[in-house]
Protein backbone atom coordinates (compact mmCIF):
# COMPACT_ATOMS: atom_id res chain seq x y z
CA MET A 1 29.33 3.45 -5.94
CA ILE A 2 28.45 0.37 -8.01
CA LYS A 3 29.68 -2.90 -6.53
CA ILE A 4 30.78 -5.50 -9.09
CA LEU A 5 31.75 -9.08 -8.32
CA VAL A 6 34.25 -10.78 -10.67
CA ALA A 7 34.25 -14.58 -10.51
CA ASP A 8 37.18 -15.98 -12.48
CA ASP A 9 40.17 -18.25 -11.68
CA GLU A 10 42.65 -16.46 -13.94
CA ALA A 11 45.41 -15.24 -11.65
CA ASP A 12 46.20 -12.04 -13.55
CA LEU A 13 42.61 -10.94 -14.21
CA GLU A 14 42.27 -8.90 -11.00
CA ALA A 15 45.34 -6.80 -11.80
CA LEU A 16 44.16 -6.32 -15.39
CA ILE A 17 40.68 -5.14 -14.37
CA ARG A 18 42.06 -2.79 -11.74
CA GLN A 19 44.36 -1.31 -14.36
CA LYS A 20 41.71 -0.96 -17.10
CA PHE A 21 39.11 0.57 -14.74
CA ARG A 22 41.52 2.55 -12.54
CA LYS A 23 39.81 5.87 -13.36
CA GLN A 24 36.34 4.58 -12.37
CA ILE A 25 37.79 3.04 -9.19
CA ARG A 26 39.61 6.27 -8.31
CA GLU A 27 36.41 8.28 -8.87
CA HIS A 28 34.51 5.81 -6.65
CA ARG A 29 32.19 4.81 -9.49
CA TYR A 30 33.11 1.11 -9.38
CA ASP A 31 34.01 -1.10 -6.44
CA PHE A 32 35.30 -4.52 -7.54
CA VAL A 33 35.16 -7.68 -5.43
CA PHE A 34 36.96 -10.81 -6.67
CA ALA A 35 36.36 -14.57 -6.32
CA ALA A 36 38.24 -17.53 -7.80
CA ASN A 37 35.24 -19.87 -8.21
CA GLY A 38 31.49 -20.19 -7.81
CA ASN A 39 31.58 -21.19 -4.14
CA GLU A 40 33.79 -18.24 -3.27
CA ALA A 41 31.53 -15.96 -5.32
CA LEU A 42 28.46 -16.97 -3.29
CA GLN A 43 30.37 -16.23 -0.09
CA ARG A 44 31.42 -12.80 -1.40
CA LEU A 45 27.78 -12.06 -2.27
CA LYS A 46 26.74 -12.85 1.29
CA GLU A 47 29.37 -10.41 2.49
CA ASN A 48 28.32 -7.81 -0.12
CA PRO A 49 24.53 -8.07 -0.56
CA ASP A 50 24.42 -4.72 -2.40
CA THR A 51 26.37 -6.16 -5.36
CA ALA A 52 24.75 -4.91 -8.58
CA ILE A 53 26.30 -7.19 -11.20
CA VAL A 54 28.46 -10.30 -11.47
CA LEU A 55 31.07 -10.88 -14.18
CA SER A 56 31.56 -14.65 -14.28
CA ASP A 57 33.66 -17.11 -16.23
CA ILE A 58 32.11 -20.45 -17.18
CA ASN A 59 35.10 -22.77 -16.61
CA MET A 60 36.07 -22.52 -12.91
CA PRO A 61 37.13 -25.08 -10.27
CA GLU A 62 34.79 -26.32 -7.48
CA MET A 63 31.72 -24.62 -8.99
CA ASP A 64 31.48 -23.52 -12.61
CA GLY A 65 29.80 -20.36 -13.85
CA LEU A 66 26.66 -22.03 -15.17
CA THR A 67 25.99 -23.65 -11.77
CA LEU A 68 26.66 -20.29 -10.12
CA LEU A 69 24.05 -18.72 -12.40
CA SER A 70 21.37 -21.12 -11.20
CA LYS A 71 22.17 -20.42 -7.55
CA LEU A 72 22.27 -16.66 -8.07
CA ASN A 73 18.70 -16.66 -9.37
CA GLU A 74 17.60 -18.23 -6.08
CA SER A 75 19.71 -16.21 -3.64
CA ASN A 76 20.21 -12.85 -5.39
CA PRO A 77 17.42 -12.29 -7.92
CA LEU A 78 18.18 -8.56 -8.24
CA THR A 79 21.84 -9.16 -9.08
CA LYS A 80 22.39 -9.61 -12.83
CA THR A 81 25.21 -11.66 -14.35
CA VAL A 82 27.32 -11.07 -17.45
CA MET A 83 29.17 -14.19 -18.56
CA VAL A 84 32.77 -13.50 -19.64
CA SER A 85 34.14 -16.68 -21.18
CA ALA A 86 36.24 -18.16 -23.95
CA TYR A 87 33.41 -20.65 -24.50
CA GLY A 88 31.53 -18.42 -26.91
CA ASP A 89 29.72 -21.11 -28.87
CA MET A 90 25.98 -20.86 -29.30
CA GLU A 91 25.27 -23.83 -27.02
CA ASN A 92 27.02 -22.27 -24.03
CA ILE A 93 25.46 -18.89 -24.75
CA ARG A 94 21.96 -20.40 -24.86
CA VAL A 95 22.50 -22.40 -21.67
CA ALA A 96 23.77 -19.27 -19.92
CA MET A 97 20.86 -17.12 -21.11
CA ASN A 98 18.33 -19.80 -20.18
CA ARG A 99 19.79 -19.90 -16.66
CA GLY A 100 19.35 -16.17 -16.25
CA ALA A 101 22.48 -14.50 -17.65
CA PHE A 102 21.81 -10.88 -18.62
CA ASP A 103 24.49 -10.79 -21.33
CA PHE A 104 27.53 -12.67 -22.69
CA VAL A 105 31.04 -11.37 -23.51
CA THR A 106 33.68 -13.58 -25.12
CA LYS A 107 37.39 -13.79 -24.33
CA PRO A 108 39.84 -12.34 -25.14
CA VAL A 109 37.99 -9.43 -23.60
CA ASN A 110 37.47 -6.18 -25.44
CA PHE A 111 37.37 -3.89 -22.41
CA ASP A 112 35.58 -1.08 -24.23
CA ASP A 113 32.81 -3.50 -25.15
CA LEU A 114 32.83 -4.89 -21.59
CA GLU A 115 32.36 -1.43 -20.11
CA VAL A 116 29.41 -0.70 -22.40
CA THR A 117 27.87 -4.05 -21.39
CA MET A 118 28.49 -3.30 -17.70
CA GLU A 119 26.88 0.14 -17.94
CA LYS A 120 23.87 -1.33 -19.71
CA THR A 121 23.53 -4.01 -17.02
CA ILE A 122 23.97 -1.49 -14.18
CA LYS A 123 21.26 0.72 -15.68
CA TYR A 124 18.90 -2.24 -15.93
CA VAL A 125 19.52 -3.23 -12.29
CA ALA A 126 18.87 0.36 -11.17
CA GLN A 127 15.60 0.46 -13.12
CA LEU A 128 14.58 -2.89 -11.65
CA LYS A 129 15.25 -1.69 -8.11
CA GLU A 130 13.36 1.55 -8.75
CA THR A 131 10.38 -0.42 -10.05
CA LEU A 132 10.34 -2.71 -7.03
CA GLN A 133 10.64 0.28 -4.69
CA ALA A 134 7.74 1.99 -6.47
CA ILE A 135 5.63 -1.16 -6.09
CA LYS A 136 6.49 -1.31 -2.40
CA GLU A 137 5.65 2.36 -1.90
CA ASN A 138 2.43 1.94 -3.87
CA ASN A 139 1.37 -0.98 -1.68
CA ILE A 140 2.07 1.12 1.41
CA LEU A 141 0.18 4.06 -0.12
CA LYS A 142 -2.85 1.84 -0.67
CA MET A 143 -3.01 1.30 3.10
CA TYR A 144 -3.46 5.04 3.65
CA VAL A 145 -5.40 6.20 0.59
CA ASP A 146 -8.80 5.03 -0.61
CA ALA A 147 -8.67 2.89 -3.76
CA ASN A 148 -11.06 5.25 -5.57
CA VAL A 149 -8.57 8.10 -5.10
CA LEU A 150 -5.67 5.96 -6.35
CA ASN A 151 -7.66 4.93 -9.43
CA PHE A 152 -8.60 8.55 -10.07
CA MET A 153 -4.92 9.57 -9.89
CA GLY A 154 -4.34 7.51 -13.03
CA THR A 155 -6.77 9.54 -15.14
CA ARG A 156 -6.09 12.63 -17.26
CA GLU A 157 -8.53 14.66 -15.22
CA TYR A 158 -6.52 14.20 -12.02
CA GLU A 159 -4.34 17.34 -12.05
CA LYS A 160 -7.13 19.53 -13.41
CA SER A 161 -9.41 18.45 -10.58
CA LEU A 162 -7.07 19.19 -7.67
CA THR A 163 -8.99 22.38 -6.90
CA ALA A 164 -12.34 21.27 -8.35
CA ASN A 165 -15.43 20.19 -6.43
CA GLU A 166 -18.94 19.03 -7.18
CA ASN A 167 -22.34 18.71 -5.54
CA VAL A 168 -23.37 15.09 -5.14
CA GLU A 169 -26.30 13.14 -3.73
CA ALA A 170 -24.94 10.63 -1.26
CA THR A 171 -25.28 9.08 2.17
CA VAL A 172 -22.83 9.52 5.04
CA ALA A 173 -22.51 7.25 8.05
CA PHE A 174 -20.49 7.87 11.21
CA ILE A 175 -19.75 4.65 13.13
CA ASP A 176 -18.28 5.21 16.58
CA ILE A 177 -16.99 2.52 18.95
CA CYS A 178 -18.65 3.51 22.21
CA SER A 179 -16.48 4.43 25.21
CA PHE A 180 -13.37 3.01 23.57
CA THR A 181 -11.11 5.75 24.92
CA SER A 182 -11.66 4.36 28.45
CA ILE A 183 -9.66 1.23 27.61
CA SER A 184 -6.51 3.32 27.09
CA GLU A 185 -6.49 4.05 30.82
CA THR A 186 -5.98 0.39 31.74
CA GLU A 187 -4.31 -1.28 28.74
CA SER A 188 -0.99 -0.86 26.95
CA PRO A 189 -0.85 1.16 23.72
CA ASP A 190 -0.19 -2.02 21.71
CA THR A 191 -3.32 -3.68 23.07
CA VAL A 192 -5.42 -0.58 22.42
CA VAL A 193 -4.24 -0.26 18.80
CA GLN A 194 -4.63 -3.99 18.09
CA LEU A 195 -8.20 -4.01 19.42
CA LEU A 196 -9.14 -0.86 17.53
CA ASN A 197 -7.69 -2.14 14.26
CA ARG A 198 -9.54 -5.42 14.70
CA TYR A 199 -12.87 -3.59 15.16
CA PHE A 200 -12.09 -1.28 12.23
CA ASP A 201 -11.35 -4.27 10.01
CA LEU A 202 -14.76 -5.79 10.76
CA ILE A 203 -16.49 -2.45 10.17
CA THR A 204 -14.62 -1.83 6.93
CA LYS A 205 -15.53 -5.22 5.46
CA GLU A 206 -19.25 -4.50 5.82
CA ILE A 207 -18.90 -1.03 4.29
CA ILE A 208 -16.99 -2.37 1.29
CA ALA A 209 -19.54 -5.18 0.87
CA GLN A 210 -22.15 -2.47 0.20
CA GLN A 211 -19.86 -0.52 -2.19
CA GLY A 212 -19.21 2.17 0.40
CA ILE A 213 -16.04 4.26 0.65
CA ILE A 214 -14.03 4.70 3.83
CA ASP A 215 -13.65 8.47 3.88
CA LYS A 216 -11.50 8.57 7.00
CA PHE A 217 -10.79 7.17 10.45
CA ILE A 218 -11.35 9.75 13.17
CA GLY A 219 -9.95 8.42 16.43
CA ASP A 220 -12.25 5.49 17.25
CA CYS A 221 -14.84 6.52 14.64
CA VAL A 222 -15.22 5.60 10.97
CA MET A 223 -16.70 7.98 8.40
CA ALA A 224 -18.15 6.19 5.36
CA VAL A 225 -19.71 7.56 2.18
CA PHE A 226 -22.14 5.75 -0.11
CA ARG A 227 -22.83 6.99 -3.64
CA GLY A 228 -24.75 5.68 -6.63
CA GLU A 229 -28.06 3.85 -6.83
CA PHE A 230 -29.88 3.06 -3.55
CA HIS A 231 -27.03 4.69 -1.60
CA LEU A 232 -29.19 5.21 1.51
CA ASP A 233 -30.46 1.61 1.51
CA ARG A 234 -26.95 0.25 1.08
CA ALA A 235 -25.66 2.44 3.90
CA VAL A 236 -28.39 1.18 6.24
CA ASP A 237 -27.69 -2.44 5.26
CA ALA A 238 -23.99 -1.94 5.97
CA CYS A 239 -24.66 -0.31 9.34
CA LEU A 240 -27.09 -3.04 10.43
CA ALA A 241 -24.45 -5.64 9.60
CA ILE A 242 -21.82 -3.65 11.51
CA ARG A 243 -24.05 -3.30 14.55
CA ASP A 244 -24.85 -7.02 14.63
CA THR A 245 -21.22 -8.03 14.08
CA ILE A 246 -19.84 -5.78 16.80
CA ASN A 247 -22.67 -6.70 19.18
CA GLY A 248 -21.74 -10.36 18.74
CA LEU A 249 -18.14 -9.88 19.86
CA PRO A 250 -17.09 -11.14 23.30
CA GLU A 251 -15.64 -8.99 26.05
CA GLU A 252 -11.90 -8.53 25.68
CA SER A 253 -9.48 -6.82 28.06
CA GLY A 254 -12.48 -5.83 30.16
CA PHE A 255 -14.11 -4.04 27.21
CA LEU A 256 -17.42 -5.06 25.60
CA PRO A 257 -17.61 -3.37 22.19
CA LYS A 258 -20.74 -1.60 20.97
CA VAL A 259 -21.24 0.97 18.24
CA SER A 260 -23.31 4.12 17.95
CA ILE A 261 -24.17 5.10 14.38
CA GLY A 262 -25.57 8.18 12.69
CA ILE A 263 -26.75 8.15 9.08
CA ASN A 264 -27.84 11.06 6.91
CA SER A 265 -28.54 11.37 3.20
CA GLY A 266 -28.75 14.30 0.81
CA GLU A 267 -26.70 16.83 -1.10
CA MET A 268 -23.09 17.43 -0.13
CA ILE A 269 -19.91 18.86 -1.64
CA SER A 270 -17.31 16.37 -2.82
CA GLY A 271 -13.79 17.58 -3.50
CA ASN A 272 -10.17 18.02 -2.44
CA ILE A 273 -9.88 19.84 0.87
CA GLY A 274 -6.51 20.83 2.24
CA SER A 275 -3.59 23.25 2.32
CA ALA A 276 -1.58 24.50 -0.64
CA THR A 277 1.19 25.54 1.76
CA LEU A 278 1.41 22.07 3.27
CA LYS A 279 0.86 20.49 -0.17
CA ARG A 280 -1.57 18.02 1.33
CA LEU A 281 -5.14 17.31 0.21
CA ASP A 282 -7.95 15.18 1.57
CA PHE A 283 -10.51 13.88 -0.93
CA THR A 284 -13.70 14.06 1.16
CA VAL A 285 -17.27 15.32 1.44
CA ILE A 286 -18.45 18.32 3.43
CA GLY A 287 -21.68 20.22 4.06
CA ASP A 288 -24.71 20.34 6.32
CA THR A 289 -25.72 16.78 5.43
CA VAL A 290 -22.35 15.51 6.68
CA ASN A 291 -22.46 17.64 9.82
CA THR A 292 -25.96 16.38 10.63
CA ALA A 293 -24.85 12.75 10.25
CA GLN A 294 -22.13 13.36 12.82
CA ARG A 295 -24.65 14.99 15.19
CA LEU A 296 -26.98 12.01 14.76
CA GLN A 297 -24.16 9.68 15.75
CA SER A 298 -23.53 11.77 18.87
CA ALA A 299 -27.21 11.41 19.76
CA ALA A 300 -27.18 7.62 19.30
CA GLY A 301 -26.87 5.34 22.29
CA ARG A 302 -24.90 2.09 22.56
CA GLY A 303 -25.94 -0.26 19.77
CA GLN A 304 -28.21 2.32 18.13
CA ILE A 305 -28.47 3.41 14.49
CA VAL A 306 -30.07 6.86 14.37
CA ILE A 307 -31.55 8.70 11.38
CA ASN A 308 -33.66 11.83 10.95
CA GLU A 309 -37.22 12.07 9.62
CA ALA A 310 -36.18 12.81 6.03
CA CYS A 311 -34.23 9.52 5.88
CA TYR A 312 -37.02 7.68 7.68
CA GLU A 313 -39.51 8.67 5.01
CA LYS A 314 -37.21 7.26 2.32
CA ILE A 315 -36.64 3.86 3.95
CA ARG A 316 -39.78 3.25 6.01
CA GLN A 317 -41.06 0.68 3.50
CA SER A 318 -37.82 -1.30 3.56
CA PHE A 319 -36.63 -1.17 7.17
CA ARG A 320 -38.28 -1.33 10.58
CA CYS A 321 -37.70 1.90 12.45
CA GLU A 322 -38.92 3.10 15.81
CA PRO A 323 -39.38 6.77 16.80
CA ILE A 324 -37.03 8.13 19.45
CA GLY A 325 -38.60 11.56 19.75
CA LEU A 326 -37.76 15.19 19.17
CA SER A 327 -34.18 16.18 19.92
CA VAL A 328 -32.19 19.38 19.58
CA LEU A 329 -28.91 18.56 17.89
CA LYS A 330 -25.80 20.67 18.39
CA ASN A 331 -25.76 23.82 16.23
CA LYS A 332 -29.33 23.15 15.04
CA ALA A 333 -31.93 25.78 15.84
CA GLU A 334 -34.99 23.57 15.54
CA PRO A 335 -35.72 20.21 17.22
CA MET A 336 -35.40 17.22 14.92
CA MET A 337 -37.45 14.02 15.00
CA LEU A 338 -35.14 11.06 15.37
CA TYR A 339 -35.67 7.38 14.58
CA GLU A 340 -33.77 4.23 15.43
CA VAL A 341 -33.28 1.69 12.65
CA ARG A 342 -33.92 -1.73 14.17
CA ASP A 343 -33.79 -4.16 11.24
């Protein structure tokens, strides 16, 4: 039901409107609210915040229609006003339009023309509300979906690629906040979530600074992907900055934060992974390179950044690394030589 406020001091106008629009009122299409002046109209709007449009006269006692227009723009920006007045000269029309009137109808009122104007105004208000809702939903969506995915959704290739995948050369980093689950045993859920989000925010900033992508948050771990030129170097730079930032944080709620990080680089599959039944997809990377990065993170100690020998050979000229030794990673048949990236 569309709520319409009529602001006019003519005593017989309410009865006339109820008679002319009796069918719409009976069918619950229109719901009219009446006010005798601008002050009363503002009070009715407070009582009926879902009012879609206002039909207002110009000449009214206490507060005229043009003053009401100015106040409506401040208090009810989504409510649109149609001026219905005998003052149909160009000067009054221009003043009304400049103060935010959506349209202008002159008296004596042609009710057929008024209804067309009302329907046009109602449609505009509905479109405006839909647009604002879409913006709100889009802003919320951006909090859950990586910006690269949102940008990709705007391209022509989007729908065709829903089941597509590609092999890419990239670097994956798993950054885990060590022993964080222990804090949930002593602190409230709110404290746990606030701390975790604060750490994640610091981690995310360093990843983005090196053009990395946050693939997902996995409990108290962040999975990041780096693509493009020097992707391994940029991943290492980001992880060094993360390690130093987290290491510099003070103890809070009895918890001293440290990170353990695993980095691996190589070929992986990039694509949409998910369920057609659930109608849910996750744009991510998978493959042995990704699995190995996660195993390297599991092998890392507090404050350590761990890589394998293949990565070490690629960055040894740019970063100082120290050998850790041979280690058998989970689901790997052969021992792997591990290195810690120091700086």
